[in-house]
Amino acid sequence: MDAYDEGSKARHLPDGPDGSLPEGPASAGSTPDSTPCADQESTDQESVGQESTDQESTDQESVPQHHDSQAPTVQAPGPQVSGPQAPTADPPVPVPTPTGIASLPLRSQIVAALALAVVAVVACVHLGMVFLHVAPSNTVTKQHGRAIDDWIYPEFEQNWKLFAPNPLQQNIDIQVRAQVRGADGGITETGWYDLSALDGTAIDGNLLPSHTQQNELRRAWDFYIGTHDNDNHPVGLRGDLSQRYLRRIVVLRLDREGAGGKGAVVESVQVRSRTTNVPPPKWSEEQVSDTPVLRELPWWTVPEEDVTDARTEASAG
């Protein structure tokens, strides 16, 4: 039995009460410390494996899991920790939209520029003419007085009556009568047409009366009085011009009123003024005459061109 046991290569189970190897010298044929070294190596490998597994688990927990890049990121509430941020691009600068003339096409810009240039030139010329008209007599007004007067009168006439110490306190009515040739060739004389009263009737109740109704006839009469003496003789170079201007206005008005009937032709006209003083207020002690003052002008022969122009303007209006 001893020999069989001694010569066998079999390993025996531990005989200790707790299953451990018995203490003492190792049996014959076994290598000392072979079993403990193997156990220790296995234990070290398991320990290293366990540490690797723990380390991977820890790394996986510490590294955030990235999901789909398109999924929305929800930021947890709480204080935000400032840190370096990526540089952002500057916002684009808005281009201003052109306005006014610059917004028009090129051709329209050229037309608008030319129109503004013409208006500027006309305004400068008008201001220069008005300045020369109201300025004292000088070399320019002496040489070009006719051109200045043609530009100013009658539409742009300048006077200082508004600032006079004793403004006008009279009513002046302009009246006209005519000798007309009827369709049968006979000459008849019309009654007096009160042109100022007709203008006053057209203005009454009109919120926007025309400049013609308000000032044309009055300005024409003032123009005539200022260029003629009390005997109706022209004074200066504008006398003939003022007479022709007043005559054309009254012929146009007679044609508009149908003087002489249908088909009648105005041969000559006579103009007169009827001036009455404005009654003073009740509290004033001033005494004025209430008798009208008449001033009759001589008969003027009407040229054919005035009749034609009057009919053309009447038909156009």
C-alpha atoms as a PDB file:
ATOM      1  CA  MET A   1       0.000   0.000   0.000  1.00  0.00           C
ATOM      2  CA  ASP A   2       2.771   2.443   0.885  1.00  0.00           C
ATOM      3  CA  ALA A   3       4.632   1.646  -2.219  1.00  0.00           C
ATOM      4  CA  TYR A   4       1.532   2.177  -4.376  1.00  0.00           C
ATOM      5  CA  ASP A   5       0.857   5.411  -2.694  1.00  0.00           C
ATOM      6  CA  GLU A   6       4.390   6.579  -2.982  1.00  0.00           C
ATOM      7  CA  GLY A   7       4.749   5.755  -6.595  1.00  0.00           C
ATOM      8  CA  SER A   8       1.423   7.043  -7.824  1.00  0.00           C
ATOM      9  CA  LYS A   9       1.015  10.441  -9.412  1.00  0.00           C
ATOM     10  CA  ALA A  10      -2.471  10.934  -8.114  1.00  0.00           C
ATOM     11  CA  ARG A  11      -3.330  13.889  -6.006  1.00  0.00           C
ATOM     12  CA  HIS A  12      -5.022  13.496  -2.719  1.00  0.00           C
ATOM     13  CA  LEU A  13      -7.821  15.620  -1.346  1.00  0.00           C
ATOM     14  CA  PRO A  14      -6.950  17.788   1.610  1.00  0.00           C
ATOM     15  CA  ASP A  15      -7.278  16.098   4.892  1.00  0.00           C
ATOM     16  CA  GLY A  16      -7.786  19.143   7.006  1.00  0.00           C
ATOM     17  CA  PRO A  17     -11.008  19.674   8.792  1.00  0.00           C
ATOM     18  CA  ASP A  18     -11.815  22.882   6.766  1.00  0.00           C
ATOM     19  CA  GLY A  19     -10.745  21.466   3.459  1.00  0.00           C
ATOM     20  CA  SER A  20      -7.325  23.215   3.485  1.00  0.00           C
ATOM     21  CA  LEU A  21      -4.044  21.491   2.783  1.00  0.00           C
ATOM     22  CA  PRO A  22      -2.333  19.936   5.754  1.00  0.00           C
ATOM     23  CA  GLU A  23       0.597  21.754   7.058  1.00  0.00           C
ATOM     24  CA  GLY A  24       3.961  20.054   6.857  1.00  0.00           C
ATOM     25  CA  PRO A  25       6.457  19.075   4.209  1.00  0.00           C
ATOM     26  CA  ALA A  26       5.144  18.566   0.732  1.00  0.00           C
ATOM     27  CA  SER A  27       4.720  15.006  -0.519  1.00  0.00           C
ATOM     28  CA  ALA A  28       7.247  13.384  -2.780  1.00  0.00           C
ATOM     29  CA  GLY A  29       7.037  14.116  -6.459  1.00  0.00           C
ATOM     30  CA  SER A  30       5.352  17.568  -6.059  1.00  0.00           C
ATOM     31  CA  THR A  31       6.971  20.918  -6.749  1.00  0.00           C
ATOM     32  CA  PRO A  32       7.181  23.204  -3.759  1.00  0.00           C
ATOM     33  CA  ASP A  33       4.943  26.282  -3.878  1.00  0.00           C
ATOM     34  CA  SER A  34       3.506  25.253  -7.240  1.00  0.00           C
ATOM     35  CA  THR A  35      -0.125  25.273  -6.149  1.00  0.00           C
ATOM     36  CA  PRO A  36       0.011  28.470  -4.087  1.00  0.00           C
ATOM     37  CA  CYS A  37       1.647  30.340  -7.033  1.00  0.00           C
ATOM     38  CA  ALA A  38      -1.053  29.233  -9.418  1.00  0.00           C
ATOM     39  CA  ASP A  39      -3.748  30.249  -6.987  1.00  0.00           C
ATOM     40  CA  GLN A  40      -2.103  33.625  -6.462  1.00  0.00           C
ATOM     41  CA  GLU A  41      -1.769  34.229 -10.219  1.00  0.00           C
ATOM     42  CA  SER A  42      -5.410  33.346 -10.750  1.00  0.00           C
ATOM     43  CA  THR A  43      -6.410  35.644  -7.948  1.00  0.00           C
ATOM     44  CA  ASP A  44      -4.313  38.502  -9.384  1.00  0.00           C
ATOM     45  CA  GLN A  45      -5.812  38.019 -12.815  1.00  0.00           C
ATOM     46  CA  GLU A  46      -9.317  38.057 -11.376  1.00  0.00           C
ATOM     47  CA  SER A  47      -8.447  41.181  -9.390  1.00  0.00           C
ATOM     48  CA  VAL A  48      -7.021  42.916 -12.436  1.00  0.00           C
ATOM     49  CA  GLY A  49     -10.042  41.873 -14.494  1.00  0.00           C
ATOM     50  CA  GLN A  50     -12.370  43.129 -11.822  1.00  0.00           C
ATOM     51  CA  GLU A  51     -10.503  46.453 -11.667  1.00  0.00           C
ATOM     52  CA  SER A  52     -10.652  46.781 -15.453  1.00  0.00           C
ATOM     53  CA  THR A  53     -14.367  46.076 -15.394  1.00  0.00           C
ATOM     54  CA  ASP A  54     -14.885  48.604 -12.594  1.00  0.00           C
ATOM     55  CA  GLN A  55     -12.758  51.169 -14.448  1.00  0.00           C
ATOM     56  CA  GLU A  56     -14.760  50.712 -17.663  1.00  0.00           C
ATOM     57  CA  SER A  57     -17.993  51.006 -15.736  1.00  0.00           C
ATOM     58  CA  THR A  58     -16.746  54.176 -14.060  1.00  0.00           C
ATOM     59  CA  ASP A  59     -15.577  55.648 -17.388  1.00  0.00           C
ATOM     60  CA  GLN A  60     -18.878  54.834 -19.018  1.00  0.00           C
ATOM     61  CA  GLU A  61     -20.744  56.535 -16.191  1.00  0.00           C
ATOM     62  CA  SER A  62     -18.495  59.596 -16.289  1.00  0.00           C
ATOM     63  CA  VAL A  63     -18.659  60.001 -20.089  1.00  0.00           C
ATOM     64  CA  PRO A  64     -22.064  61.366 -21.219  1.00  0.00           C
ATOM     65  CA  GLN A  65     -23.897  59.203 -23.649  1.00  0.00           C
ATOM     66  CA  HIS A  66     -24.395  60.880 -27.025  1.00  0.00           C
ATOM     67  CA  HIS A  67     -27.651  60.198 -28.757  1.00  0.00           C
ATOM     68  CA  ASP A  68     -28.937  61.324 -32.095  1.00  0.00           C
ATOM     69  CA  SER A  69     -27.423  64.705 -33.030  1.00  0.00           C
ATOM     70  CA  GLN A  70     -30.806  65.973 -34.152  1.00  0.00           C
ATOM     71  CA  ALA A  71     -32.484  65.325 -30.831  1.00  0.00           C
ATOM     72  CA  PRO A  72     -33.227  68.541 -28.882  1.00  0.00           C
ATOM     73  CA  THR A  73     -30.973  69.276 -25.944  1.00  0.00           C
ATOM     74  CA  VAL A  74     -32.779  69.995 -22.720  1.00  0.00           C
ATOM     75  CA  GLN A  75     -30.862  72.200 -20.335  1.00  0.00           C
ATOM     76  CA  ALA A  76     -31.420  71.469 -16.696  1.00  0.00           C
ATOM     77  CA  PRO A  77     -32.469  74.423 -14.574  1.00  0.00           C
ATOM     78  CA  GLY A  78     -29.927  75.862 -12.244  1.00  0.00           C
ATOM     79  CA  PRO A  79     -27.037  78.288 -12.265  1.00  0.00           C
ATOM     80  CA  GLN A  80     -25.128  78.378 -15.507  1.00  0.00           C
ATOM     81  CA  VAL A  81     -21.413  78.021 -15.412  1.00  0.00           C
ATOM     82  CA  SER A  82     -19.693  80.497 -17.679  1.00  0.00           C
ATOM     83  CA  GLY A  83     -16.923  79.252 -19.803  1.00  0.00           C
ATOM     84  CA  PRO A  84     -15.185  79.893 -23.109  1.00  0.00           C
ATOM     85  CA  GLN A  85     -17.604  80.186 -26.000  1.00  0.00           C
ATOM     86  CA  ALA A  86     -17.044  79.712 -29.661  1.00  0.00           C
ATOM     87  CA  PRO A  87     -16.725  82.975 -31.630  1.00  0.00           C
ATOM     88  CA  THR A  88     -19.908  83.984 -33.419  1.00  0.00           C
ATOM     89  CA  ALA A  89     -20.084  85.672 -36.836  1.00  0.00           C
ATOM     90  CA  ASP A  90     -21.116  89.363 -37.020  1.00  0.00           C
ATOM     91  CA  PRO A  91     -24.747  89.894 -38.092  1.00  0.00           C
ATOM     92  CA  PRO A  92     -25.158  91.125 -41.685  1.00  0.00           C
ATOM     93  CA  VAL A  93     -25.467  94.898 -42.058  1.00  0.00           C
ATOM     94  CA  PRO A  94     -28.846  95.781 -43.639  1.00  0.00           C
ATOM     95  CA  VAL A  95     -28.599  97.676 -46.918  1.00  0.00           C
ATOM     96  CA  PRO A  96     -30.660 100.916 -46.775  1.00  0.00           C
ATOM     97  CA  THR A  97     -33.514 101.128 -49.265  1.00  0.00           C
ATOM     98  CA  PRO A  98     -33.193 104.172 -51.571  1.00  0.00           C
ATOM     99  CA  THR A  99     -35.933 106.769 -51.232  1.00  0.00           C
ATOM    100  CA  GLY A 100     -37.003 109.858 -53.125  1.00  0.00           C
ATOM    101  CA  ILE A 101     -35.526 110.475 -56.543  1.00  0.00           C
ATOM    102  CA  ALA A 102     -32.894 107.768 -55.964  1.00  0.00           C
ATOM    103  CA  SER A 103     -35.629 105.110 -55.954  1.00  0.00           C
ATOM    104  CA  LEU A 104     -36.730 106.037 -59.483  1.00  0.00           C
ATOM    105  CA  PRO A 105     -35.363 104.473 -62.671  1.00  0.00           C
ATOM    106  CA  LEU A 106     -32.445 106.223 -64.321  1.00  0.00           C
ATOM    107  CA  ARG A 107     -34.572 107.839 -67.031  1.00  0.00           C
ATOM    108  CA  SER A 108     -37.047 109.146 -64.460  1.00  0.00           C
ATOM    109  CA  GLN A 109     -34.180 110.467 -62.344  1.00  0.00           C
ATOM    110  CA  ILE A 110     -32.868 112.440 -65.331  1.00  0.00           C
ATOM    111  CA  VAL A 111     -36.327 113.890 -66.058  1.00  0.00           C
ATOM    112  CA  ALA A 112     -36.848 114.817 -62.404  1.00  0.00           C
ATOM    113  CA  ALA A 113     -33.422 116.445 -62.198  1.00  0.00           C
ATOM    114  CA  LEU A 114     -34.107 118.507 -65.325  1.00  0.00           C
ATOM    115  CA  ALA A 115     -37.512 119.561 -63.986  1.00  0.00           C
ATOM    116  CA  LEU A 116     -35.987 120.656 -60.687  1.00  0.00           C
ATOM    117  CA  ALA A 117     -33.280 122.575 -62.552  1.00  0.00           C
ATOM    118  CA  VAL A 118     -35.900 124.406 -64.642  1.00  0.00           C
ATOM    119  CA  VAL A 119     -37.947 125.274 -61.553  1.00  0.00           C
ATOM    120  CA  ALA A 120     -34.828 126.569 -59.800  1.00  0.00           C
ATOM    121  CA  VAL A 121     -33.870 128.746 -62.784  1.00  0.00           C
ATOM    122  CA  VAL A 122     -37.399 130.181 -63.105  1.00  0.00           C
ATOM    123  CA  ALA A 123     -37.535 130.898 -59.366  1.00  0.00           C
ATOM    124  CA  CYS A 124     -34.182 132.701 -59.484  1.00  0.00           C
ATOM    125  CA  VAL A 125     -35.267 134.758 -62.511  1.00  0.00           C
ATOM    126  CA  HIS A 126     -38.565 135.673 -60.825  1.00  0.00           C
ATOM    127  CA  LEU A 127     -36.861 136.758 -57.613  1.00  0.00           C
ATOM    128  CA  GLY A 128     -34.407 138.840 -59.628  1.00  0.00           C
ATOM    129  CA  MET A 129     -37.219 140.529 -61.573  1.00  0.00           C
ATOM    130  CA  VAL A 130     -39.154 141.334 -58.411  1.00  0.00           C
ATOM    131  CA  PHE A 131     -36.030 142.746 -56.784  1.00  0.00           C
ATOM    132  CA  LEU A 132     -35.315 144.989 -59.792  1.00  0.00           C
ATOM    133  CA  HIS A 133     -38.972 146.074 -59.850  1.00  0.00           C
ATOM    134  CA  VAL A 134     -39.055 147.260 -56.228  1.00  0.00           C
ATOM    135  CA  ALA A 135     -35.458 148.500 -56.152  1.00  0.00           C
ATOM    136  CA  PRO A 136     -34.630 152.170 -56.765  1.00  0.00           C
ATOM    137  CA  SER A 137     -33.973 153.222 -60.328  1.00  0.00           C
ATOM    138  CA  ASN A 138     -30.615 151.976 -61.562  1.00  0.00           C
ATOM    139  CA  THR A 139     -28.749 151.206 -64.759  1.00  0.00           C
ATOM    140  CA  VAL A 140     -30.385 147.783 -65.221  1.00  0.00           C
ATOM    141  CA  THR A 141     -33.932 149.072 -64.766  1.00  0.00           C
ATOM    142  CA  LYS A 142     -33.272 151.961 -67.140  1.00  0.00           C
ATOM    143  CA  GLN A 143     -32.009 149.680 -69.912  1.00  0.00           C
ATOM    144  CA  HIS A 144     -34.361 146.728 -69.348  1.00  0.00           C
ATOM    145  CA  GLY A 145     -37.363 148.389 -67.715  1.00  0.00           C
ATOM    146  CA  ARG A 146     -39.769 147.207 -70.431  1.00  0.00           C
ATOM    147  CA  ALA A 147     -38.768 143.552 -69.984  1.00  0.00           C
ATOM    148  CA  ILE A 148     -39.080 143.833 -66.191  1.00  0.00           C
ATOM    149  CA  ASP A 149     -42.529 145.410 -66.429  1.00  0.00           C
ATOM    150  CA  ASP A 150     -43.716 142.771 -68.909  1.00  0.00           C
ATOM    151  CA  TRP A 151     -42.685 140.079 -66.429  1.00  0.00           C
ATOM    152  CA  ILE A 152     -44.206 141.741 -63.353  1.00  0.00           C
ATOM    153  CA  TYR A 153     -47.455 143.231 -64.641  1.00  0.00           C
ATOM    154  CA  PRO A 154     -50.195 142.513 -64.007  1.00  0.00           C
ATOM    155  CA  GLU A 155     -49.950 139.209 -62.150  1.00  0.00           C
ATOM    156  CA  PHE A 156     -46.949 140.009 -59.912  1.00  0.00           C
ATOM    157  CA  GLU A 157     -47.445 143.694 -59.308  1.00  0.00           C
ATOM    158  CA  GLN A 158     -46.008 144.939 -56.035  1.00  0.00           C
ATOM    159  CA  ASN A 159     -47.355 147.857 -53.998  1.00  0.00           C
ATOM    160  CA  TRP A 160     -47.345 149.120 -50.427  1.00  0.00           C
ATOM    161  CA  LYS A 161     -51.037 149.937 -50.002  1.00  0.00           C
ATOM    162  CA  LEU A 162     -51.451 147.354 -47.272  1.00  0.00           C
ATOM    163  CA  PHE A 163     -48.950 149.238 -45.096  1.00  0.00           C
ATOM    164  CA  ALA A 164     -50.138 152.740 -45.999  1.00  0.00           C
ATOM    165  CA  PRO A 165     -50.986 154.950 -43.010  1.00  0.00           C
ATOM    166  CA  ASN A 166     -54.377 155.715 -44.570  1.00  0.00           C
ATOM    167  CA  PRO A 167     -55.531 152.662 -46.589  1.00  0.00           C
ATOM    168  CA  LEU A 168     -58.210 152.916 -49.225  1.00  0.00           C
ATOM    169  CA  GLN A 169     -61.696 153.455 -47.870  1.00  0.00           C
ATOM    170  CA  GLN A 170     -63.600 153.399 -51.132  1.00  0.00           C
ATOM    171  CA  ASN A 171     -65.549 150.964 -53.209  1.00  0.00           C
ATOM    172  CA  ILE A 172     -64.684 151.120 -56.911  1.00  0.00           C
ATOM    173  CA  ASP A 173     -66.980 149.462 -59.417  1.00  0.00           C
ATOM    174  CA  ILE A 174     -65.778 148.968 -62.997  1.00  0.00           C
ATOM    175  CA  GLN A 175     -68.540 149.239 -65.569  1.00  0.00           C
ATOM    176  CA  VAL A 176     -68.518 148.946 -69.362  1.00  0.00           C
ATOM    177  CA  ARG A 177     -70.853 149.441 -72.278  1.00  0.00           C
ATOM    178  CA  ALA A 178     -70.379 148.645 -75.945  1.00  0.00           C
ATOM    179  CA  GLN A 179     -71.501 149.418 -79.467  1.00  0.00           C
ATOM    180  CA  VAL A 180     -72.218 146.130 -81.221  1.00  0.00           C
ATOM    181  CA  ARG A 181     -73.056 145.196 -84.781  1.00  0.00           C
ATOM    182  CA  GLY A 182     -75.937 142.769 -84.975  1.00  0.00           C
ATOM    183  CA  ALA A 183     -76.584 140.001 -87.461  1.00  0.00           C
ATOM    184  CA  ASP A 184     -78.587 142.416 -89.643  1.00  0.00           C
ATOM    185  CA  GLY A 185     -75.628 144.826 -89.842  1.00  0.00           C
ATOM    186  CA  GLY A 186     -77.148 147.475 -87.583  1.00  0.00           C
ATOM    187  CA  ILE A 187     -75.163 149.169 -84.764  1.00  0.00           C
ATOM    188  CA  THR A 188     -76.714 149.292 -81.315  1.00  0.00           C
ATOM    189  CA  GLU A 189     -75.460 150.521 -77.958  1.00  0.00           C
ATOM    190  CA  THR A 190     -75.808 148.333 -74.887  1.00  0.00           C
ATOM    191  CA  GLY A 191     -76.436 149.442 -71.352  1.00  0.00           C
ATOM    192  CA  TRP A 192     -73.816 149.544 -68.595  1.00  0.00           C
ATOM    193  CA  TYR A 193     -72.580 146.180 -67.365  1.00  0.00           C
ATOM    194  CA  ASP A 194     -71.357 146.332 -63.763  1.00  0.00           C
ATOM    195  CA  LEU A 195     -68.445 143.872 -64.031  1.00  0.00           C
ATOM    196  CA  SER A 196     -67.373 144.356 -60.386  1.00  0.00           C
ATOM    197  CA  ALA A 197     -70.865 143.477 -59.178  1.00  0.00           C
ATOM    198  CA  LEU A 198     -70.827 140.327 -61.341  1.00  0.00           C
ATOM    199  CA  ASP A 199     -67.496 139.297 -59.787  1.00  0.00           C
ATOM    200  CA  GLY A 200     -68.858 139.963 -56.305  1.00  0.00           C
ATOM    201  CA  THR A 201     -71.896 137.781 -56.988  1.00  0.00           C
ATOM    202  CA  ALA A 202     -69.619 134.943 -58.181  1.00  0.00           C
ATOM    203  CA  ILE A 203     -67.458 135.231 -55.050  1.00  0.00           C
ATOM    204  CA  ASP A 204     -70.313 135.300 -52.521  1.00  0.00           C
ATOM    205  CA  GLY A 205     -70.829 131.829 -51.060  1.00  0.00           C
ATOM    206  CA  ASN A 206     -67.809 130.434 -52.909  1.00  0.00           C
ATOM    207  CA  LEU A 207     -65.325 128.895 -50.484  1.00  0.00           C
ATOM    208  CA  LEU A 208     -62.563 128.804 -53.103  1.00  0.00           C
ATOM    209  CA  PRO A 209     -63.000 131.767 -55.435  1.00  0.00           C
ATOM    210  CA  SER A 210     -60.588 132.027 -58.328  1.00  0.00           C
ATOM    211  CA  HIS A 211     -57.808 134.583 -58.553  1.00  0.00           C
ATOM    212  CA  THR A 212     -59.415 135.918 -61.726  1.00  0.00           C
ATOM    213  CA  GLN A 213     -62.711 136.687 -60.026  1.00  0.00           C
ATOM    214  CA  GLN A 214     -61.010 138.441 -57.131  1.00  0.00           C
ATOM    215  CA  ASN A 215     -58.185 140.426 -58.682  1.00  0.00           C
ATOM    216  CA  GLU A 216     -58.072 140.454 -62.483  1.00  0.00           C
ATOM    217  CA  LEU A 217     -60.432 143.381 -63.095  1.00  0.00           C
ATOM    218  CA  ARG A 218     -59.282 145.379 -60.073  1.00  0.00           C
ATOM    219  CA  ARG A 219     -55.614 144.950 -60.994  1.00  0.00           C
ATOM    220  CA  ALA A 220     -56.278 145.970 -64.601  1.00  0.00           C
ATOM    221  CA  TRP A 221     -57.994 149.177 -63.470  1.00  0.00           C
ATOM    222  CA  ASP A 222     -55.216 150.010 -60.990  1.00  0.00           C
ATOM    223  CA  PHE A 223     -52.684 149.388 -63.767  1.00  0.00           C
ATOM    224  CA  TYR A 224     -54.511 151.827 -66.049  1.00  0.00           C
ATOM    225  CA  ILE A 225     -54.915 154.555 -63.399  1.00  0.00           C
ATOM    226  CA  GLY A 226     -51.234 154.316 -62.473  1.00  0.00           C
ATOM    227  CA  THR A 227     -50.095 154.886 -66.056  1.00  0.00           C
ATOM    228  CA  HIS A 228     -52.524 157.681 -67.068  1.00  0.00           C
ATOM    229  CA  ASP A 229     -53.200 161.172 -65.854  1.00  0.00           C
ATOM    230  CA  ASN A 230     -56.606 162.654 -64.972  1.00  0.00           C
ATOM    231  CA  ASP A 231     -57.204 163.482 -68.626  1.00  0.00           C
ATOM    232  CA  ASN A 232     -56.609 159.835 -69.601  1.00  0.00           C
ATOM    233  CA  HIS A 233     -53.331 160.596 -71.331  1.00  0.00           C
ATOM    234  CA  PRO A 234     -50.685 157.849 -71.013  1.00  0.00           C
ATOM    235  CA  VAL A 235     -47.707 158.516 -68.778  1.00  0.00           C
ATOM    236  CA  GLY A 236     -44.558 156.522 -69.444  1.00  0.00           C
ATOM    237  CA  LEU A 237     -44.002 153.487 -71.614  1.00  0.00           C
ATOM    238  CA  ARG A 238     -46.656 151.320 -69.963  1.00  0.00           C
ATOM    239  CA  GLY A 239     -49.624 153.553 -70.804  1.00  0.00           C
ATOM    240  CA  ASP A 240     -50.416 151.866 -74.108  1.00  0.00           C
ATOM    241  CA  LEU A 241     -49.882 148.432 -72.593  1.00  0.00           C
ATOM    242  CA  SER A 242     -52.315 149.082 -69.723  1.00  0.00           C
ATOM    243  CA  GLN A 243     -54.963 150.381 -72.141  1.00  0.00           C
ATOM    244  CA  ARG A 244     -54.750 147.322 -74.372  1.00  0.00           C
ATOM    245  CA  TYR A 245     -54.824 145.018 -71.337  1.00  0.00           C
ATOM    246  CA  LEU A 246     -57.961 146.610 -69.871  1.00  0.00           C
ATOM    247  CA  ARG A 247     -59.680 146.664 -73.277  1.00  0.00           C
ATOM    248  CA  ARG A 248     -59.085 142.955 -73.888  1.00  0.00           C
ATOM    249  CA  ILE A 249     -60.493 142.065 -70.447  1.00  0.00           C
ATOM    250  CA  VAL A 250     -63.743 144.015 -70.925  1.00  0.00           C
ATOM    251  CA  VAL A 251     -64.234 142.634 -74.460  1.00  0.00           C
ATOM    252  CA  LEU A 252     -63.843 139.103 -73.107  1.00  0.00           C
ATOM    253  CA  ARG A 253     -66.365 139.818 -70.366  1.00  0.00           C
ATOM    254  CA  LEU A 254     -68.874 141.316 -72.805  1.00  0.00           C
ATOM    255  CA  ASP A 255     -68.635 138.277 -75.039  1.00  0.00           C
ATOM    256  CA  ARG A 256     -69.130 136.044 -72.000  1.00  0.00           C
ATOM    257  CA  GLU A 257     -72.271 138.008 -71.037  1.00  0.00           C
ATOM    258  CA  GLY A 258     -73.620 137.811 -74.584  1.00  0.00           C
ATOM    259  CA  ALA A 259     -73.737 141.560 -75.145  1.00  0.00           C
ATOM    260  CA  GLY A 260     -75.880 142.507 -78.135  1.00  0.00           C
ATOM    261  CA  GLY A 261     -77.389 139.077 -78.519  1.00  0.00           C
ATOM    262  CA  LYS A 262     -76.334 135.989 -80.419  1.00  0.00           C
ATOM    263  CA  GLY A 263     -74.040 136.663 -83.348  1.00  0.00           C
ATOM    264  CA  ALA A 264     -73.378 140.276 -82.367  1.00  0.00           C
ATOM    265  CA  VAL A 265     -69.854 141.674 -82.798  1.00  0.00           C
ATOM    266  CA  VAL A 266     -68.392 144.277 -80.442  1.00  0.00           C
ATOM    267  CA  GLU A 267     -67.217 147.315 -82.405  1.00  0.00           C
ATOM    268  CA  SER A 268     -66.167 149.673 -79.596  1.00  0.00           C
ATOM    269  CA  VAL A 269     -66.259 149.855 -75.817  1.00  0.00           C
ATOM    270  CA  GLN A 270     -66.329 152.508 -73.118  1.00  0.00           C
ATOM    271  CA  VAL A 271     -65.182 151.937 -69.554  1.00  0.00           C
ATOM    272  CA  ARG A 272     -66.011 153.954 -66.470  1.00  0.00           C
ATOM    273  CA  SER A 273     -65.470 153.715 -62.734  1.00  0.00           C
ATOM    274  CA  ARG A 274     -68.022 154.405 -60.064  1.00  0.00           C
ATOM    275  CA  THR A 275     -66.392 155.295 -56.749  1.00  0.00           C
ATOM    276  CA  THR A 276     -68.297 155.506 -53.461  1.00  0.00           C
ATOM    277  CA  ASN A 277     -66.897 156.178 -50.019  1.00  0.00           C
ATOM    278  CA  VAL A 278     -67.200 153.522 -47.321  1.00  0.00           C
ATOM    279  CA  PRO A 279     -69.364 154.886 -44.494  1.00  0.00           C
ATOM    280  CA  PRO A 280     -67.347 155.488 -41.309  1.00  0.00           C
ATOM    281  CA  PRO A 281     -68.270 153.599 -38.140  1.00  0.00           C
ATOM    282  CA  LYS A 282     -70.861 155.105 -35.784  1.00  0.00           C
ATOM    283  CA  TRP A 283     -68.310 155.996 -33.140  1.00  0.00           C
ATOM    284  CA  SER A 284     -66.211 157.996 -35.665  1.00  0.00           C
ATOM    285  CA  GLU A 285     -66.670 161.764 -36.107  1.00  0.00           C
ATOM    286  CA  GLU A 286     -65.415 161.653 -39.686  1.00  0.00           C
ATOM    287  CA  GLN A 287     -67.781 163.010 -42.315  1.00  0.00           C
ATOM    288  CA  VAL A 288     -67.619 161.676 -45.880  1.00  0.00           C
ATOM    289  CA  SER A 289     -69.761 162.212 -48.959  1.00  0.00           C
ATOM    290  CA  ASP A 290     -72.026 159.421 -50.095  1.00  0.00           C
ATOM    291  CA  THR A 291     -72.372 160.737 -53.637  1.00  0.00           C
ATOM    292  CA  PRO A 292     -70.773 158.424 -56.222  1.00  0.00           C
ATOM    293  CA  VAL A 293     -67.946 159.806 -58.335  1.00  0.00           C
ATOM    294  CA  LEU A 294     -67.865 158.706 -61.972  1.00  0.00           C
ATOM    295  CA  ARG A 295     -64.858 158.640 -64.280  1.00  0.00           C
ATOM    296  CA  GLU A 296     -65.595 157.830 -67.897  1.00  0.00           C
ATOM    297  CA  LEU A 297     -62.911 156.846 -70.360  1.00  0.00           C
ATOM    298  CA  PRO A 298     -63.161 157.608 -74.087  1.00  0.00           C
ATOM    299  CA  TRP A 299     -64.569 155.117 -76.563  1.00  0.00           C
ATOM    300  CA  TRP A 300     -62.038 152.568 -77.735  1.00  0.00           C
ATOM    301  CA  THR A 301     -62.296 150.862 -81.071  1.00  0.00           C
ATOM    302  CA  VAL A 302     -61.957 147.104 -80.698  1.00  0.00           C
ATOM    303  CA  PRO A 303     -59.542 145.512 -83.188  1.00  0.00           C
ATOM    304  CA  GLU A 304     -60.471 142.245 -84.864  1.00  0.00           C
ATOM    305  CA  GLU A 305     -57.763 140.317 -83.013  1.00  0.00           C
ATOM    306  CA  ASP A 306     -59.296 141.218 -79.638  1.00  0.00           C
ATOM    307  CA  VAL A 307     -62.691 139.896 -80.776  1.00  0.00           C
ATOM    308  CA  THR A 308     -61.133 136.682 -82.079  1.00  0.00           C
ATOM    309  CA  ASP A 309     -59.141 136.149 -78.891  1.00  0.00           C
ATOM    310  CA  ALA A 310     -62.214 136.811 -76.764  1.00  0.00           C
ATOM    311  CA  ARG A 311     -64.250 134.219 -78.642  1.00  0.00           C
ATOM    312  CA  THR A 312     -61.390 131.700 -78.487  1.00  0.00           C
ATOM    313  CA  GLU A 313     -60.999 132.100 -74.732  1.00  0.00           C
ATOM    314  CA  ALA A 314     -64.765 131.976 -74.191  1.00  0.00           C
ATOM    315  CA  SER A 315     -65.090 128.743 -76.200  1.00  0.00           C
ATOM    316  CA  ALA A 316     -62.115 127.203 -74.363  1.00  0.00           C
ATOM    317  CA  GLY A 317     -63.594 128.054 -70.969  1.00  0.00           C
END
